[in-house]
Structure formats: structure tokens, C-alpha cells
Amino acid sequence: MKEEREKKTIITYLKENEGKFIFLLILLFIVFILIFSKYRKEEYNYKIKNYNGKTIGITSSIKSHGKTSDLRYYFYYENQRYVAESNENKFSKKDLKKFFNVVFDKKNPENSHIYLNEEIQPDSITLTKAGFKYVTYYEHDIPTNTYIKKHKWE
């Protein structure tokens, strides 16, 4: 009989404080999400610090999907081009076609991170050592009907 009374009191307590109970569950859920996201960010930062390769990368395009967008960039390692994406929201269109430092894992170069906080202005020797090539191309000028010789790093 005492157990029935305790069960009734717990049930009646939950019914009386249903709003508080739901609020507590929502609050716990939000705290869990915040802790989990903090843990993931710390784990990613730890992984970046352990990357043992460093090179120069150039940003190429912004790939948008819905409310998020990714910045595509590429870099060279051992004469092979690697294309990667950064999903940090700290970039804009003014960051396109510019050079930045990239760190990567030498064992698996697909794992990389680009530092967008400071643009670098490398010289031609540094770019050549990093694997980039100076390419000549021609662009058609419609008013004069001629081709204009242009250069870019690729």
C-alpha cells in the first residue's frame, strides 16, 4: 500500500510539473549538443595540430548548398594535385584566387586544413617549389578581334 501511494505521488508530481519536466529535458538536450560540438571542435583542432605537412594552397571556388557553403581549394604534394573543401564560414568571395597556408597529413593528403586568417604573397620560386605552374593562356578581345596573352598560376 505504501508503494502504491509512492507511485501515485510520483505520477501526480509529474502531471503537476509537466511543463518543468519538459523544460528540463529540452535544457539537457541543448547542453548535450553544446558539449558535443565543443568536443568535436577540440578533436578537429587536435587533429590539425598533428598534421605534419605544410604547403601553399590556392582557393578556387565556393560551392553552395542550401544555407551552408564550402570553399574549394587545391594544393600540390609530391607532384600530385589535391582538391579539398573547407566548410568554415569565415570566407567570402574576396578570398577566391588567393594563396593561403595549408597543413595536411603526409600519410593521407586528403586530410588538410587551409588557414584563411592570413593571405600570403609568395614569390615565383616558392610557388614553383610548392608544385604550381605558371601558365600562359590567350583571351579573345571581341572589340579588337585579337587574342590577348595572359598568365596565371595553376
Protein backbone atom coordinates (compact mmCIF):
# COMPACT_ATOMS: atom_id res chain seq x y z
CA MET A 1 0.00 0.00 0.00
CA LYS A 2 2.88 2.31 0.77
CA GLU A 3 4.35 1.56 -2.70
CA GLU A 4 1.05 2.41 -4.38
CA ARG A 5 0.97 5.69 -2.52
CA GLU A 6 4.57 6.43 -3.63
CA LYS A 7 3.70 5.58 -7.25
CA LYS A 8 0.67 7.79 -7.12
CA THR A 9 2.66 10.64 -5.69
CA ILE A 10 5.34 10.33 -8.38
CA ILE A 11 2.71 10.18 -11.12
CA THR A 12 0.80 13.10 -9.69
CA TYR A 13 4.04 15.05 -9.23
CA LEU A 14 4.95 14.51 -12.90
CA LYS A 15 1.47 15.53 -14.01
CA GLU A 16 1.57 18.66 -11.89
CA ASN A 17 5.05 19.66 -13.09
CA GLU A 18 4.85 18.50 -16.70
CA GLY A 19 5.97 21.90 -18.05
CA LYS A 20 9.02 21.98 -15.79
CA PHE A 21 9.91 18.41 -16.76
CA ILE A 22 9.72 19.17 -20.50
CA PHE A 23 11.75 22.35 -19.98
CA LEU A 24 14.40 20.34 -18.11
CA LEU A 25 14.58 17.76 -20.92
CA ILE A 26 14.97 20.47 -23.55
CA LEU A 27 17.64 22.19 -21.49
CA LEU A 28 19.56 18.93 -21.04
CA PHE A 29 19.34 18.27 -24.77
CA ILE A 30 20.74 21.73 -25.60
CA VAL A 31 23.57 21.30 -23.08
CA PHE A 32 24.38 17.91 -24.59
CA ILE A 33 24.54 19.39 -28.10
CA LEU A 34 26.81 22.23 -26.93
CA ILE A 35 29.18 19.85 -25.16
CA PHE A 36 29.25 17.51 -28.15
CA SER A 37 30.01 20.34 -30.62
CA LYS A 38 32.76 21.65 -28.34
CA TYR A 39 34.24 18.15 -28.17
CA ARG A 40 34.15 17.80 -31.99
CA LYS A 41 35.83 21.17 -32.44
CA GLU A 42 38.58 20.31 -29.96
CA GLU A 43 39.07 16.94 -31.64
CA TYR A 44 39.40 18.64 -35.05
CA ASN A 45 41.88 21.20 -33.68
CA TYR A 46 43.95 18.41 -32.13
CA LYS A 47 43.94 16.57 -35.46
CA ILE A 48 45.10 19.70 -37.31
CA LYS A 49 47.96 20.25 -34.88
CA ASN A 50 49.23 16.74 -35.65
CA TYR A 51 49.36 17.28 -39.42
CA ASN A 52 52.99 17.08 -40.46
CA GLY A 53 52.90 18.60 -43.96
CA LYS A 54 52.83 22.29 -44.81
CA THR A 55 52.48 23.89 -48.23
CA ILE A 56 50.76 26.65 -50.17
CA GLY A 57 47.20 26.34 -51.46
CA ILE A 58 45.04 28.48 -53.70
CA THR A 59 41.31 28.96 -53.29
CA SER A 60 39.36 28.13 -56.42
CA SER A 61 35.59 28.33 -55.89
CA ILE A 62 32.70 28.48 -53.45
CA LYS A 63 30.27 25.58 -53.58
CA SER A 64 26.89 26.49 -52.09
CA HIS A 65 24.22 24.07 -50.95
CA GLY A 66 21.31 25.45 -49.01
CA LYS A 67 22.26 27.70 -46.13
CA THR A 68 25.85 26.45 -45.99
CA SER A 69 28.70 26.75 -48.43
CA ASP A 70 32.14 25.23 -48.85
CA LEU A 71 35.32 26.87 -50.06
CA ARG A 72 37.19 24.66 -52.52
CA TYR A 73 40.95 24.91 -52.65
CA TYR A 74 43.80 22.91 -54.05
CA PHE A 75 47.43 22.27 -53.29
CA TYR A 76 50.23 20.06 -54.55
CA TYR A 77 52.14 17.34 -52.74
CA GLU A 78 54.69 15.10 -54.46
CA ASN A 79 53.65 16.38 -57.91
CA GLN A 80 50.02 15.43 -57.33
CA ARG A 81 47.17 17.90 -57.10
CA TYR A 82 44.77 17.55 -54.17
CA VAL A 83 41.41 19.31 -54.13
CA ALA A 84 39.83 19.89 -50.73
CA GLU A 85 36.94 21.80 -49.19
CA SER A 86 36.71 23.96 -46.11
CA ASN A 87 33.31 24.35 -44.50
CA GLU A 88 34.29 27.16 -42.18
CA ASN A 89 32.00 30.14 -42.62
CA LYS A 90 34.85 32.62 -42.34
CA PHE A 91 35.32 33.17 -46.06
CA SER A 92 33.88 35.37 -48.76
CA LYS A 93 34.20 35.85 -52.50
CA LYS A 94 37.14 38.19 -51.96
CA ASP A 95 39.16 35.17 -50.80
CA LEU A 96 38.96 33.50 -54.21
CA LYS A 97 42.08 33.01 -56.34
CA LYS A 98 44.37 33.89 -53.42
CA PHE A 99 47.13 31.94 -51.74
CA PHE A 100 46.98 30.67 -48.15
CA ASN A 101 48.93 28.27 -45.96
CA VAL A 102 47.69 24.68 -45.94
CA VAL A 103 48.58 21.93 -43.49
CA PHE A 104 47.95 18.30 -44.35
CA ASP A 105 48.66 14.76 -43.27
CA LYS A 106 51.56 13.35 -45.31
CA LYS A 107 50.20 9.82 -44.96
CA ASN A 108 46.78 10.87 -46.26
CA PRO A 109 46.95 14.25 -48.04
CA GLU A 110 43.16 14.35 -48.50
CA ASN A 111 43.06 15.36 -44.83
CA SER A 112 44.00 19.01 -44.92
CA HIS A 113 43.16 22.40 -43.47
CA ILE A 114 43.55 25.85 -45.00
CA TYR A 115 44.32 28.86 -42.81
CA LEU A 116 42.19 31.69 -44.17
CA ASN A 117 43.11 34.20 -41.49
CA GLU A 118 46.16 35.50 -43.37
CA GLU A 119 46.67 35.69 -47.10
CA ILE A 120 50.24 35.11 -48.26
CA GLN A 121 52.06 36.69 -51.19
CA PRO A 122 54.54 34.03 -52.29
CA ASP A 123 57.19 34.68 -54.90
CA SER A 124 57.53 32.62 -58.07
CA ILE A 125 60.28 30.38 -56.70
CA THR A 126 58.19 29.45 -53.66
CA LEU A 127 55.17 28.71 -55.85
CA THR A 128 57.23 26.55 -58.21
CA LYS A 129 58.65 24.59 -55.27
CA ALA A 130 55.10 24.12 -53.95
CA GLY A 131 54.12 22.47 -57.27
CA PHE A 132 52.32 25.32 -59.04
CA LYS A 133 52.96 26.10 -62.71
CA TYR A 134 52.99 29.44 -64.48
CA VAL A 135 50.58 29.02 -67.38
CA THR A 136 50.19 31.20 -70.45
CA TYR A 137 46.75 31.44 -71.98
CA TYR A 138 45.03 33.66 -74.50
CA GLU A 139 41.79 35.55 -74.06
CA HIS A 140 39.78 36.77 -77.01
CA ASP A 141 39.11 40.51 -77.12
CA ILE A 142 35.87 40.99 -79.06
CA PRO A 143 36.14 44.73 -79.96
CA THR A 144 39.60 44.38 -81.49
CA ASN A 145 39.13 40.76 -82.61
CA THR A 146 42.54 39.82 -81.25
CA TYR A 147 43.85 37.46 -78.64
CA ILE A 148 45.44 38.90 -75.53
CA LYS A 149 48.22 36.96 -73.89
CA LYS A 150 47.67 36.41 -70.16
CA HIS A 151 49.36 34.47 -67.38
CA LYS A 152 48.22 32.74 -64.21
CA TRP A 153 49.44 30.33 -61.58
CA GLU A 154 47.81 26.95 -61.75
